[in-house]
Amino acid sequence: MSKKHANEQLQEELNEVIEESEISDETTEAEAEVSDSEKEKNEIAEVVAKLNQECQEYKDKYVRAHAEMENLRRRTQTELEKSAKYAVSDFAKNMLSIADNLSRAMSVITDDHKQDTGIKTFYEGIEMTQKELLNVFDRYGVTPIEALNQPFNPNLHQAVQEIDDPSKPTGTVVQEFQTGYMISDRVLRPSMVVTSKGGPKSDDFGKPNGCKIDTSA
C-alpha cells in the first residue's frame, strides 16, 4: 500500500469518527432538551396542583364563613323578633293592675245599683274603658287566660284554694280570683284560681288547654 493511499484511508476513518461524534453530541443535546422539557412540565404540574389546593382551601373557608354568617343572621333575626314580641312585657305587667281595678269596680255594681241612672252611666264608662284597655292589650299580643270551668293547668293557673264539689271533675277551676294573661305564647301572669275536689277524675287534669306555653322567659 502506498503512503498516499494509507493517508487517504486514515482520513476517511477520521472523518467517520468525527461524524459519529457529531451525531452523539446531537443525540445528547436532544436528550437534554427532552429532559428539560419534562422537568418544566413537572414543575408546571406541581404549581397547578398547588394552586388547585389553595383554591379548594379558600373555597372551603368561604363556604364555612358563609354558613356562619347565615347562622348569625338567623339567630339575630330570631332575637330581634323575640325582643319585639316581648318588648312590652314589663309595661303590660304594670298595666294589669289597672285592668284588675276596673274589673273590681264593675263587680261591686249590682243590677240594683244600675237602676240609678248616674251609677249606670258610671258603670258604662268603666266598661268602655275596660274594653279599650283590652283592645290595646290584644294589639300587643296580651290576651286573658281562659280559666273558669277549665282543667287546672299549673303552667297557666295558680291554685290558692281547693273546695269540695262532687258535681265537677276533680281539678276543675270553679272560681277565678284574679285573671291571668298571656303575651304571645308566654305567660305574663298566671290566673289565681280555686279548684274542685271530690268529683270524678278528669282525664284532662293538668293539660295545657290547647295552649303551647313558652317557658324560656
N, C-alpha and C. Protein backbone atom coordinates (compact mmCIF):
# COMPACT_ATOMS: atom_id res chain seq x y z
N MET A 1 0.87 -1.18 0.00
CA MET A 1 0.00 0.00 0.00
C MET A 1 0.91 1.22 0.00
N SER A 2 0.53 2.18 -0.88
CA SER A 2 1.34 3.38 -0.98
C SER A 2 1.04 4.29 0.19
N LYS A 3 1.96 5.17 0.44
CA LYS A 3 1.80 6.12 1.54
C LYS A 3 0.62 7.01 1.31
N LYS A 4 0.38 7.37 0.08
CA LYS A 4 -0.76 8.25 -0.26
C LYS A 4 -2.07 7.55 0.03
N HIS A 5 -2.13 6.30 -0.33
CA HIS A 5 -3.37 5.53 -0.12
C HIS A 5 -3.64 5.34 1.36
N ALA A 6 -2.59 5.15 2.10
CA ALA A 6 -2.73 4.98 3.56
C ALA A 6 -3.24 6.24 4.20
N ASN A 7 -2.75 7.37 3.74
CA ASN A 7 -3.20 8.66 4.29
C ASN A 7 -4.68 8.89 4.00
N GLU A 8 -5.06 8.53 2.77
CA GLU A 8 -6.48 8.71 2.40
C GLU A 8 -7.39 7.84 3.26
N GLN A 9 -6.97 6.60 3.53
CA GLN A 9 -7.79 5.68 4.34
C GLN A 9 -7.88 6.20 5.76
N LEU A 10 -6.73 6.72 6.26
CA LEU A 10 -6.72 7.27 7.61
C LEU A 10 -7.64 8.47 7.73
N GLN A 11 -7.66 9.28 6.67
CA GLN A 11 -8.51 10.48 6.66
C GLN A 11 -9.98 10.08 6.67
N GLU A 12 -10.29 9.02 5.92
CA GLU A 12 -11.68 8.56 5.88
C GLU A 12 -12.14 8.06 7.25
N GLU A 13 -11.27 7.32 7.90
CA GLU A 13 -11.60 6.81 9.24
C GLU A 13 -11.78 7.95 10.22
N LEU A 14 -10.93 8.97 10.11
CA LEU A 14 -11.02 10.13 10.99
C LEU A 14 -12.34 10.86 10.77
N ASN A 15 -12.71 10.98 9.49
CA ASN A 15 -13.98 11.64 9.17
C ASN A 15 -15.18 10.88 9.76
N GLU A 16 -15.09 9.54 9.71
CA GLU A 16 -16.17 8.73 10.26
C GLU A 16 -16.29 8.94 11.78
N VAL A 17 -15.10 9.00 12.40
CA VAL A 17 -15.10 9.22 13.86
C VAL A 17 -15.71 10.57 14.19
N ILE A 18 -15.36 11.59 13.39
CA ILE A 18 -15.89 12.95 13.63
C ILE A 18 -17.40 12.97 13.44
N GLU A 19 -17.86 12.28 12.37
CA GLU A 19 -19.32 12.24 12.11
C GLU A 19 -20.06 11.55 13.25
N GLU A 20 -19.48 10.40 13.70
CA GLU A 20 -20.11 9.69 14.81
C GLU A 20 -20.14 10.54 16.07
N SER A 21 -19.08 11.33 16.28
CA SER A 21 -19.02 12.20 17.46
C SER A 21 -20.07 13.29 17.37
N GLU A 22 -20.24 13.85 16.16
CA GLU A 22 -21.25 14.89 15.97
C GLU A 22 -22.65 14.34 16.20
N ILE A 23 -22.92 13.13 15.70
CA ILE A 23 -24.24 12.50 15.88
C ILE A 23 -24.50 12.27 17.36
N SER A 24 -23.44 11.81 18.06
CA SER A 24 -23.59 11.55 19.51
C SER A 24 -23.88 12.84 20.25
N ASP A 25 -23.19 13.92 19.84
CA ASP A 25 -23.44 15.22 20.50
C ASP A 25 -24.87 15.69 20.26
N GLU A 26 -25.33 15.51 19.01
CA GLU A 26 -26.69 15.93 18.68
C GLU A 26 -27.71 15.13 19.49
N THR A 27 -27.44 13.80 19.63
CA THR A 27 -28.35 12.94 20.41
C THR A 27 -28.37 13.37 21.87
N THR A 28 -27.20 13.69 22.41
CA THR A 28 -27.12 14.14 23.81
C THR A 28 -27.86 15.44 24.01
N GLU A 29 -27.68 16.37 23.05
CA GLU A 29 -28.39 17.65 23.14
C GLU A 29 -29.90 17.45 23.07
N ALA A 30 -30.34 16.54 22.17
CA ALA A 30 -31.78 16.26 22.02
C ALA A 30 -32.33 15.64 23.30
N GLU A 31 -31.55 14.68 23.86
CA GLU A 31 -31.98 14.07 25.10
C GLU A 31 -32.04 15.10 26.23
N ALA A 32 -31.09 16.02 26.25
CA ALA A 32 -31.07 17.07 27.27
C ALA A 32 -32.28 17.98 27.13
N GLU A 33 -32.60 18.30 25.84
CA GLU A 33 -33.76 19.15 25.61
C GLU A 33 -35.05 18.47 26.08
N VAL A 34 -35.18 17.15 25.80
CA VAL A 34 -36.35 16.38 26.24
C VAL A 34 -36.42 16.36 27.76
N SER A 35 -35.26 16.15 28.40
CA SER A 35 -35.22 16.11 29.86
C SER A 35 -35.64 17.46 30.46
N ASP A 36 -35.15 18.56 29.89
CA ASP A 36 -35.53 19.89 30.37
C ASP A 36 -37.01 20.14 30.18
N SER A 37 -37.54 19.66 29.04
CA SER A 37 -38.96 19.85 28.76
C SER A 37 -39.83 19.09 29.77
N GLU A 38 -39.43 17.84 30.07
CA GLU A 38 -40.17 17.05 31.06
C GLU A 38 -40.10 17.69 32.43
N LYS A 39 -38.93 18.21 32.79
CA LYS A 39 -38.76 18.87 34.07
C LYS A 39 -39.65 20.10 34.17
N GLU A 40 -39.69 20.86 33.05
CA GLU A 40 -40.53 22.06 33.04
C GLU A 40 -42.01 21.70 33.18
N LYS A 41 -42.43 20.59 32.48
CA LYS A 41 -43.80 20.14 32.60
C LYS A 41 -44.13 19.71 34.03
N ASN A 42 -43.18 19.01 34.65
CA ASN A 42 -43.39 18.57 36.03
C ASN A 42 -43.51 19.75 36.98
N GLU A 43 -42.66 20.77 36.75
CA GLU A 43 -42.71 21.96 37.59
C GLU A 43 -44.05 22.69 37.42
N ILE A 44 -44.52 22.78 36.16
CA ILE A 44 -45.81 23.43 35.90
C ILE A 44 -46.94 22.65 36.56
N ALA A 45 -46.86 21.30 36.46
CA ALA A 45 -47.89 20.45 37.06
C ALA A 45 -47.93 20.64 38.58
N GLU A 46 -46.74 20.76 39.19
CA GLU A 46 -46.67 20.97 40.64
C GLU A 46 -47.29 22.31 41.03
N VAL A 47 -46.99 23.36 40.23
CA VAL A 47 -47.55 24.69 40.51
C VAL A 47 -49.07 24.67 40.37
N VAL A 48 -49.57 24.01 39.31
CA VAL A 48 -51.01 23.92 39.09
C VAL A 48 -51.68 23.17 40.24
N ALA A 49 -51.07 22.06 40.67
CA ALA A 49 -51.62 21.27 41.77
C ALA A 49 -51.67 22.10 43.05
N LYS A 50 -50.60 22.86 43.30
CA LYS A 50 -50.56 23.71 44.49
C LYS A 50 -51.63 24.79 44.44
N LEU A 51 -51.80 25.39 43.25
CA LEU A 51 -52.82 26.43 43.10
C LEU A 51 -54.23 25.85 43.28
N ASN A 52 -54.44 24.65 42.73
CA ASN A 52 -55.74 23.99 42.90
C ASN A 52 -56.03 23.70 44.38
N GLN A 53 -54.99 23.28 45.10
CA GLN A 53 -55.15 23.00 46.52
C GLN A 53 -55.50 24.28 47.29
N GLU A 54 -54.77 25.35 46.98
CA GLU A 54 -55.04 26.62 47.64
C GLU A 54 -56.45 27.13 47.30
N CYS A 55 -56.83 26.94 46.04
CA CYS A 55 -58.17 27.36 45.60
C CYS A 55 -59.25 26.60 46.38
N GLN A 56 -59.05 25.28 46.57
CA GLN A 56 -60.01 24.47 47.31
C GLN A 56 -60.07 24.89 48.77
N GLU A 57 -58.90 25.22 49.35
CA GLU A 57 -58.86 25.67 50.74
C GLU A 57 -59.62 26.99 50.91
N TYR A 58 -59.42 27.93 49.97
CA TYR A 58 -60.13 29.20 50.04
C TYR A 58 -61.64 29.00 49.84
N LYS A 59 -61.98 28.05 48.96
CA LYS A 59 -63.40 27.75 48.73
C LYS A 59 -64.04 27.19 49.99
N ASP A 60 -63.33 26.27 50.66
CA ASP A 60 -63.85 25.69 51.91
C ASP A 60 -64.02 26.77 52.98
N LYS A 61 -63.02 27.66 53.08
CA LYS A 61 -63.11 28.76 54.06
C LYS A 61 -64.29 29.67 53.74
N TYR A 62 -64.51 29.93 52.46
CA TYR A 62 -65.64 30.78 52.07
C TYR A 62 -66.97 30.13 52.43
N VAL A 63 -67.07 28.82 52.13
CA VAL A 63 -68.32 28.10 52.43
C VAL A 63 -68.59 28.13 53.93
N ARG A 64 -67.56 27.88 54.75
CA ARG A 64 -67.74 27.90 56.20
C ARG A 64 -68.12 29.29 56.70
N ALA A 65 -67.42 30.30 56.16
CA ALA A 65 -67.71 31.68 56.57
C ALA A 65 -69.13 32.07 56.18
N HIS A 66 -69.55 31.65 54.99
CA HIS A 66 -70.91 31.96 54.54
C HIS A 66 -71.95 31.28 55.43
N ALA A 67 -71.68 30.02 55.80
CA ALA A 67 -72.61 29.29 56.66
C ALA A 67 -72.69 29.94 58.04
N GLU A 68 -71.53 30.36 58.57
CA GLU A 68 -71.52 31.02 59.88
C GLU A 68 -72.27 32.34 59.84
N MET A 69 -72.10 33.09 58.77
CA MET A 69 -72.81 34.37 58.63
C MET A 69 -74.32 34.15 58.51
N GLU A 70 -74.71 33.09 57.79
CA GLU A 70 -76.13 32.78 57.64
C GLU A 70 -76.73 32.37 58.98
N ASN A 71 -75.99 31.57 59.75
CA ASN A 71 -76.47 31.18 61.08
C ASN A 71 -76.58 32.40 62.00
N LEU A 72 -75.59 33.29 61.91
CA LEU A 72 -75.62 34.51 62.72
C LEU A 72 -76.79 35.39 62.33
N ARG A 73 -77.07 35.47 61.02
CA ARG A 73 -78.20 36.27 60.55
C ARG A 73 -79.52 35.72 61.08
N ARG A 74 -79.66 34.37 61.03
CA ARG A 74 -80.90 33.76 61.52
C ARG A 74 -81.06 33.96 63.02
N ARG A 75 -79.94 33.79 63.77
CA ARG A 75 -80.02 33.99 65.23
C ARG A 75 -80.37 35.43 65.56
N THR A 76 -79.75 36.36 64.84
CA THR A 76 -80.03 37.78 65.08
C THR A 76 -81.48 38.10 64.76
N GLN A 77 -81.98 37.55 63.65
CA GLN A 77 -83.38 37.79 63.26
C GLN A 77 -84.33 37.23 64.31
N THR A 78 -84.00 36.02 64.82
CA THR A 78 -84.84 35.40 65.85
C THR A 78 -84.85 36.24 67.12
N GLU A 79 -83.66 36.73 67.51
CA GLU A 79 -83.57 37.55 68.72
C GLU A 79 -84.33 38.87 68.56
N LEU A 80 -84.23 39.46 67.35
CA LEU A 80 -84.95 40.71 67.11
C LEU A 80 -86.46 40.48 67.17
N GLU A 81 -86.92 39.38 66.55
CA GLU A 81 -88.35 39.08 66.59
C GLU A 81 -88.82 38.81 68.01
N LYS A 82 -87.99 38.09 68.77
CA LYS A 82 -88.33 37.78 70.15
C LYS A 82 -88.36 39.05 70.99
N SER A 83 -87.38 39.92 70.78
CA SER A 83 -87.34 41.18 71.52
C SER A 83 -88.55 42.04 71.21
N ALA A 84 -88.91 42.09 69.92
CA ALA A 84 -90.07 42.90 69.52
C ALA A 84 -91.36 42.32 70.10
N LYS A 85 -91.44 40.98 70.14
CA LYS A 85 -92.65 40.32 70.62
C LYS A 85 -92.87 40.55 72.11
N TYR A 86 -91.77 40.53 72.89
CA TYR A 86 -91.91 40.63 74.34
C TYR A 86 -91.42 41.96 74.91
N ALA A 87 -91.20 42.93 74.04
CA ALA A 87 -90.65 44.22 74.50
C ALA A 87 -91.58 44.93 75.48
N VAL A 88 -92.89 44.72 75.35
CA VAL A 88 -93.85 45.43 76.21
C VAL A 88 -94.20 44.64 77.46
N SER A 89 -93.48 43.56 77.76
CA SER A 89 -93.83 42.70 78.89
C SER A 89 -93.88 43.48 80.20
N ASP A 90 -92.83 44.23 80.51
CA ASP A 90 -92.79 44.97 81.78
C ASP A 90 -93.89 46.02 81.84
N PHE A 91 -94.08 46.72 80.72
CA PHE A 91 -95.13 47.74 80.69
C PHE A 91 -96.50 47.10 80.86
N ALA A 92 -96.72 45.97 80.18
CA ALA A 92 -98.01 45.28 80.26
C ALA A 92 -98.29 44.80 81.69
N LYS A 93 -97.26 44.29 82.36
CA LYS A 93 -97.44 43.84 83.75
C LYS A 93 -97.90 44.98 84.64
N ASN A 94 -97.33 46.14 84.43
CA ASN A 94 -97.74 47.30 85.23
C ASN A 94 -99.17 47.72 84.91
N MET A 95 -99.60 47.50 83.67
CA MET A 95 -100.95 47.88 83.29
C MET A 95 -102.01 46.88 83.78
N LEU A 96 -101.59 45.68 84.17
CA LEU A 96 -102.55 44.68 84.63
C LEU A 96 -103.27 45.12 85.88
N SER A 97 -102.61 45.88 86.75
CA SER A 97 -103.27 46.35 87.97
C SER A 97 -104.44 47.28 87.63
N ILE A 98 -104.30 48.03 86.54
CA ILE A 98 -105.40 48.90 86.11
C ILE A 98 -106.57 48.04 85.64
N ALA A 99 -106.28 47.00 84.87
CA ALA A 99 -107.33 46.09 84.42
C ALA A 99 -108.01 45.43 85.61
N ASP A 100 -107.23 45.06 86.62
CA ASP A 100 -107.80 44.44 87.83
C ASP A 100 -108.73 45.42 88.55
N ASN A 101 -108.31 46.66 88.68
CA ASN A 101 -109.12 47.66 89.38
C ASN A 101 -110.43 47.93 88.64
N LEU A 102 -110.37 47.95 87.32
CA LEU A 102 -111.59 48.16 86.53
C LEU A 102 -112.56 46.99 86.73
N SER A 103 -112.01 45.78 86.73
CA SER A 103 -112.85 44.59 86.94
C SER A 103 -113.49 44.60 88.32
N ARG A 104 -112.72 44.97 89.33
CA ARG A 104 -113.26 45.02 90.68
C ARG A 104 -114.35 46.09 90.81
N ALA A 105 -114.11 47.23 90.17
CA ALA A 105 -115.11 48.30 90.23
C ALA A 105 -116.42 47.86 89.58
N MET A 106 -116.33 47.13 88.48
CA MET A 106 -117.53 46.66 87.79
C MET A 106 -118.24 45.56 88.59
N SER A 107 -117.44 44.74 89.31
CA SER A 107 -118.04 43.61 90.03
C SER A 107 -118.87 44.05 91.23
N VAL A 108 -118.58 45.21 91.80
CA VAL A 108 -119.32 45.67 93.00
C VAL A 108 -120.61 46.40 92.63
N ILE A 109 -120.78 46.70 91.37
CA ILE A 109 -122.01 47.39 90.93
C ILE A 109 -123.03 46.33 90.51
N THR A 110 -124.06 46.19 91.30
CA THR A 110 -125.09 45.18 91.03
C THR A 110 -126.14 45.71 90.07
N ASP A 111 -127.02 44.80 89.66
CA ASP A 111 -128.13 45.20 88.78
C ASP A 111 -129.03 46.22 89.47
N ASP A 112 -129.17 46.08 90.77
CA ASP A 112 -129.99 47.05 91.51
C ASP A 112 -129.36 48.44 91.46
N HIS A 113 -128.03 48.47 91.59
CA HIS A 113 -127.34 49.76 91.51
C HIS A 113 -127.54 50.42 90.15
N LYS A 114 -127.62 49.57 89.10
CA LYS A 114 -127.73 50.10 87.75
C LYS A 114 -129.10 50.75 87.48
N GLN A 115 -130.03 50.56 88.42
CA GLN A 115 -131.32 51.21 88.26
C GLN A 115 -131.18 52.72 88.40
N ASP A 116 -130.11 53.09 89.08
CA ASP A 116 -129.80 54.53 89.22
C ASP A 116 -129.09 54.99 87.95
N THR A 117 -129.64 56.02 87.32
CA THR A 117 -129.09 56.48 86.03
C THR A 117 -127.64 56.91 86.15
N GLY A 118 -127.30 57.61 87.24
CA GLY A 118 -125.93 58.07 87.42
C GLY A 118 -124.96 56.93 87.57
N ILE A 119 -125.35 55.93 88.39
CA ILE A 119 -124.48 54.77 88.58
C ILE A 119 -124.38 53.97 87.30
N LYS A 120 -125.48 53.83 86.56
CA LYS A 120 -125.46 53.09 85.31
C LYS A 120 -124.51 53.74 84.31
N THR A 121 -124.55 55.07 84.24
CA THR A 121 -123.65 55.80 83.33
C THR A 121 -122.20 55.60 83.75
N PHE A 122 -121.98 55.65 85.08
CA PHE A 122 -120.63 55.43 85.60
C PHE A 122 -120.14 54.03 85.24
N TYR A 123 -121.01 53.03 85.38
CA TYR A 123 -120.67 51.65 85.06
C TYR A 123 -120.33 51.50 83.57
N GLU A 124 -121.14 52.10 82.74
CA GLU A 124 -120.90 52.02 81.30
C GLU A 124 -119.57 52.67 80.92
N GLY A 125 -119.22 53.74 81.63
CA GLY A 125 -117.93 54.39 81.37
C GLY A 125 -116.76 53.48 81.74
N ILE A 126 -116.91 52.81 82.91
CA ILE A 126 -115.86 51.86 83.31
C ILE A 126 -115.76 50.71 82.31
N GLU A 127 -116.91 50.23 81.86
CA GLU A 127 -116.95 49.12 80.91
C GLU A 127 -116.28 49.49 79.59
N MET A 128 -116.56 50.70 79.11
CA MET A 128 -115.93 51.16 77.88
C MET A 128 -114.41 51.28 78.04
N THR A 129 -113.98 51.77 79.21
CA THR A 129 -112.54 51.91 79.47
C THR A 129 -111.87 50.54 79.50
N GLN A 130 -112.55 49.57 80.14
CA GLN A 130 -112.01 48.23 80.21
C GLN A 130 -111.88 47.60 78.80
N LYS A 131 -112.90 47.78 77.99
CA LYS A 131 -112.86 47.23 76.63
C LYS A 131 -111.73 47.85 75.82
N GLU A 132 -111.56 49.17 75.97
CA GLU A 132 -110.48 49.84 75.24
C GLU A 132 -109.11 49.34 75.70
N LEU A 133 -108.97 49.12 77.02
CA LEU A 133 -107.71 48.61 77.55
C LEU A 133 -107.43 47.21 77.02
N LEU A 134 -108.47 46.38 76.99
CA LEU A 134 -108.29 45.02 76.47
C LEU A 134 -107.97 45.03 74.98
N ASN A 135 -108.53 45.99 74.25
CA ASN A 135 -108.20 46.13 72.83
C ASN A 135 -106.73 46.49 72.63
N VAL A 136 -106.25 47.37 73.51
CA VAL A 136 -104.83 47.75 73.44
C VAL A 136 -103.96 46.54 73.78
N PHE A 137 -104.35 45.81 74.82
CA PHE A 137 -103.63 44.59 75.17
C PHE A 137 -103.56 43.64 73.97
N ASP A 138 -104.70 43.41 73.35
CA ASP A 138 -104.78 42.47 72.23
C ASP A 138 -103.90 42.93 71.07
N ARG A 139 -103.81 44.23 70.88
CA ARG A 139 -102.99 44.77 69.80
C ARG A 139 -101.52 44.42 69.98
N TYR A 140 -101.10 44.27 71.22
CA TYR A 140 -99.71 43.95 71.52
C TYR A 140 -99.53 42.49 71.94
N GLY A 141 -100.51 41.66 71.62
CA GLY A 141 -100.38 40.23 71.88
C GLY A 141 -100.65 39.81 73.30
N VAL A 142 -101.27 40.69 74.12
CA VAL A 142 -101.59 40.36 75.51
C VAL A 142 -103.06 39.95 75.57
N THR A 143 -103.30 38.69 75.97
CA THR A 143 -104.66 38.16 75.98
C THR A 143 -104.95 37.48 77.31
N PRO A 144 -106.23 37.52 77.77
CA PRO A 144 -106.59 36.86 79.03
C PRO A 144 -106.49 35.34 78.90
N ILE A 145 -106.14 34.70 79.99
CA ILE A 145 -106.09 33.23 80.04
C ILE A 145 -107.48 32.70 80.39
N GLU A 146 -107.94 31.72 79.63
CA GLU A 146 -109.22 31.10 79.93
C GLU A 146 -109.02 30.15 81.10
N ALA A 147 -109.77 30.36 82.16
CA ALA A 147 -109.57 29.57 83.38
C ALA A 147 -110.85 28.92 83.89
N LEU A 148 -111.92 29.68 84.02
CA LEU A 148 -113.15 29.19 84.66
C LEU A 148 -113.70 27.98 83.92
N ASN A 149 -113.98 26.91 84.70
CA ASN A 149 -114.52 25.64 84.20
C ASN A 149 -113.52 24.86 83.33
N GLN A 150 -112.27 25.26 83.37
CA GLN A 150 -111.22 24.55 82.64
C GLN A 150 -110.45 23.63 83.59
N PRO A 151 -109.86 22.54 83.09
CA PRO A 151 -108.98 21.73 83.93
C PRO A 151 -107.80 22.55 84.44
N PHE A 152 -107.45 22.36 85.69
CA PHE A 152 -106.33 23.11 86.26
C PHE A 152 -105.05 22.78 85.49
N ASN A 153 -104.33 23.82 85.13
CA ASN A 153 -103.07 23.67 84.40
C ASN A 153 -102.00 24.47 85.14
N PRO A 154 -101.03 23.81 85.74
CA PRO A 154 -100.01 24.53 86.52
C PRO A 154 -99.19 25.51 85.70
N ASN A 155 -99.20 25.34 84.38
CA ASN A 155 -98.48 26.29 83.53
C ASN A 155 -99.23 27.60 83.37
N LEU A 156 -100.55 27.55 83.59
CA LEU A 156 -101.38 28.73 83.36
C LEU A 156 -102.06 29.25 84.62
N HIS A 157 -102.26 28.36 85.57
CA HIS A 157 -103.07 28.70 86.75
C HIS A 157 -102.26 28.56 88.04
N GLN A 158 -102.61 29.40 88.99
CA GLN A 158 -102.05 29.30 90.33
C GLN A 158 -103.20 29.05 91.31
N ALA A 159 -103.24 27.84 91.87
CA ALA A 159 -104.33 27.47 92.77
C ALA A 159 -104.07 28.05 94.15
N VAL A 160 -105.05 28.79 94.68
CA VAL A 160 -104.93 29.37 96.02
C VAL A 160 -105.88 28.70 97.02
N GLN A 161 -106.78 27.88 96.49
CA GLN A 161 -107.75 27.21 97.36
C GLN A 161 -108.34 26.01 96.63
N GLU A 162 -108.79 25.03 97.41
CA GLU A 162 -109.44 23.85 96.85
C GLU A 162 -110.72 23.58 97.64
N ILE A 163 -111.82 23.38 96.95
CA ILE A 163 -113.11 23.18 97.64
C ILE A 163 -113.77 21.90 97.15
N ASP A 164 -114.61 21.33 98.02
CA ASP A 164 -115.36 20.13 97.64
C ASP A 164 -116.47 20.49 96.67
N ASP A 165 -116.51 19.78 95.56
CA ASP A 165 -117.58 19.97 94.57
C ASP A 165 -117.71 18.69 93.75
N PRO A 166 -118.50 17.72 94.25
CA PRO A 166 -118.64 16.43 93.55
C PRO A 166 -119.27 16.54 92.17
N SER A 167 -119.89 17.70 91.87
CA SER A 167 -120.56 17.84 90.58
C SER A 167 -119.59 18.10 89.43
N LYS A 168 -118.34 18.41 89.75
CA LYS A 168 -117.36 18.72 88.71
C LYS A 168 -116.15 17.77 88.83
N PRO A 169 -115.51 17.48 87.72
CA PRO A 169 -114.32 16.64 87.79
C PRO A 169 -113.25 17.25 88.69
N THR A 170 -112.57 16.41 89.42
CA THR A 170 -111.51 16.89 90.30
C THR A 170 -110.48 17.69 89.50
N GLY A 171 -110.10 18.83 90.07
CA GLY A 171 -109.10 19.66 89.40
C GLY A 171 -109.69 20.66 88.43
N THR A 172 -111.00 20.86 88.48
CA THR A 172 -111.64 21.86 87.61
C THR A 172 -111.57 23.23 88.28
N VAL A 173 -111.29 24.25 87.51
CA VAL A 173 -111.28 25.62 88.04
C VAL A 173 -112.73 26.07 88.20
N VAL A 174 -113.14 26.33 89.46
CA VAL A 174 -114.52 26.70 89.75
C VAL A 174 -114.67 28.17 90.10
N GLN A 175 -113.53 28.82 90.34
CA GLN A 175 -113.60 30.25 90.67
C GLN A 175 -112.27 30.91 90.29
N GLU A 176 -112.36 32.15 89.87
CA GLU A 176 -111.17 32.89 89.46
C GLU A 176 -111.05 34.14 90.30
N PHE A 177 -110.01 34.20 91.14
CA PHE A 177 -109.78 35.38 91.97
C PHE A 177 -109.14 36.51 91.18
N GLN A 178 -108.25 36.13 90.28
CA GLN A 178 -107.53 37.15 89.51
C GLN A 178 -107.26 36.61 88.10
N THR A 179 -107.61 37.40 87.09
CA THR A 179 -107.43 36.98 85.70
C THR A 179 -105.95 36.90 85.33
N GLY A 180 -105.59 35.82 84.68
CA GLY A 180 -104.22 35.70 84.18
C GLY A 180 -104.13 36.17 82.74
N TYR A 181 -102.91 36.45 82.29
CA TYR A 181 -102.71 36.96 80.93
C TYR A 181 -101.50 36.31 80.28
N MET A 182 -101.62 36.14 78.96
CA MET A 182 -100.51 35.68 78.13
C MET A 182 -100.00 36.84 77.30
N ILE A 183 -98.71 36.82 76.99
CA ILE A 183 -98.18 37.73 75.97
C ILE A 183 -97.59 36.84 74.89
N SER A 184 -98.27 36.80 73.75
CA SER A 184 -97.95 35.86 72.69
C SER A 184 -98.08 34.45 73.26
N ASP A 185 -96.99 33.64 73.24
CA ASP A 185 -97.06 32.28 73.75
C ASP A 185 -96.40 32.14 75.13
N ARG A 186 -96.24 33.25 75.83
CA ARG A 186 -95.58 33.25 77.13
C ARG A 186 -96.56 33.75 78.20
N VAL A 187 -96.49 33.13 79.38
CA VAL A 187 -97.36 33.56 80.49
C VAL A 187 -96.84 34.87 81.05
N LEU A 188 -97.70 35.88 81.01
CA LEU A 188 -97.35 37.17 81.60
C LEU A 188 -97.67 37.15 83.09
N ARG A 189 -98.83 36.56 83.41
CA ARG A 189 -99.22 36.37 84.81
C ARG A 189 -100.22 35.21 84.86
N PRO A 190 -99.99 34.22 85.74
CA PRO A 190 -100.94 33.11 85.81
C PRO A 190 -102.25 33.54 86.46
N SER A 191 -103.30 32.81 86.14
CA SER A 191 -104.60 33.07 86.77
C SER A 191 -104.57 32.55 88.21
N MET A 192 -105.15 33.33 89.14
CA MET A 192 -105.26 32.91 90.52
C MET A 192 -106.63 32.29 90.70
N VAL A 193 -106.67 30.97 91.00
CA VAL A 193 -107.93 30.25 90.90
C VAL A 193 -108.21 29.37 92.12
N VAL A 194 -109.48 28.92 92.18
CA VAL A 194 -109.93 27.91 93.14
C VAL A 194 -110.31 26.67 92.34
N THR A 195 -109.85 25.50 92.80
CA THR A 195 -110.13 24.26 92.08
C THR A 195 -111.04 23.35 92.90
N SER A 196 -111.65 22.40 92.21
CA SER A 196 -112.60 21.49 92.86
C SER A 196 -111.91 20.18 93.24
N LYS A 197 -112.52 19.49 94.21
CA LYS A 197 -112.08 18.15 94.57
C LYS A 197 -113.31 17.34 94.96
N GLY A 198 -113.16 16.02 94.99
CA GLY A 198 -114.27 15.16 95.39
C GLY A 198 -115.10 14.64 94.24
N GLY A 199 -114.91 15.19 93.05
CA GLY A 199 -115.67 14.74 91.90
C GLY A 199 -114.93 13.64 91.14
N PRO A 200 -115.47 13.21 90.00
CA PRO A 200 -114.79 12.18 89.20
C PRO A 200 -113.45 12.69 88.69
N LYS A 201 -112.53 11.75 88.48
CA LYS A 201 -111.20 12.12 87.99
C LYS A 201 -111.30 12.61 86.56
N SER A 202 -110.65 13.72 86.27
CA SER A 202 -110.67 14.27 84.91
C SER A 202 -109.47 13.78 84.12
N ASP A 203 -109.73 13.27 82.90
CA ASP A 203 -108.64 12.83 82.02
C ASP A 203 -107.82 14.00 81.52
N ASP A 204 -108.39 15.22 81.60
CA ASP A 204 -107.71 16.41 81.09
C ASP A 204 -106.95 17.14 82.19
N PHE A 205 -106.88 16.55 83.40
CA PHE A 205 -106.23 17.23 84.50
C PHE A 205 -104.79 17.60 84.14
N GLY A 206 -104.48 18.89 84.31
CA GLY A 206 -103.12 19.36 84.09
C GLY A 206 -102.72 19.57 82.65
N LYS A 207 -103.64 19.31 81.70
CA LYS A 207 -103.29 19.54 80.29
C LYS A 207 -103.34 21.03 79.98
N PRO A 208 -102.56 21.48 78.97
CA PRO A 208 -102.42 22.92 78.72
C PRO A 208 -103.56 23.55 77.94
N ASN A 209 -104.76 22.92 77.92
CA ASN A 209 -105.93 23.56 77.29
C ASN A 209 -105.67 24.00 75.86
N GLY A 210 -104.85 23.25 75.14
CA GLY A 210 -104.59 23.59 73.74
C GLY A 210 -103.60 24.71 73.56
N CYS A 211 -103.02 25.22 74.65
CA CYS A 211 -102.07 26.34 74.54
C CYS A 211 -100.65 25.79 74.53
N LYS A 212 -99.84 26.31 73.66
CA LYS A 212 -98.42 25.98 73.65
C LYS A 212 -97.71 27.03 74.46
N ILE A 213 -97.09 26.61 75.56
CA ILE A 213 -96.52 27.56 76.51
C ILE A 213 -95.03 27.70 76.29
N ASP A 214 -94.57 28.94 76.26
CA ASP A 214 -93.15 29.23 76.19
C ASP A 214 -92.66 29.43 77.61
N THR A 215 -91.77 28.54 78.08
CA THR A 215 -91.26 28.63 79.45
C THR A 215 -89.82 29.13 79.47
N SER A 216 -89.39 29.80 78.39
CA SER A 216 -87.99 30.24 78.30
C SER A 216 -87.80 31.65 78.79
N ALA A 217 -88.76 32.18 79.53
CA ALA A 217 -88.65 33.57 79.99
C ALA A 217 -87.45 33.74 80.91
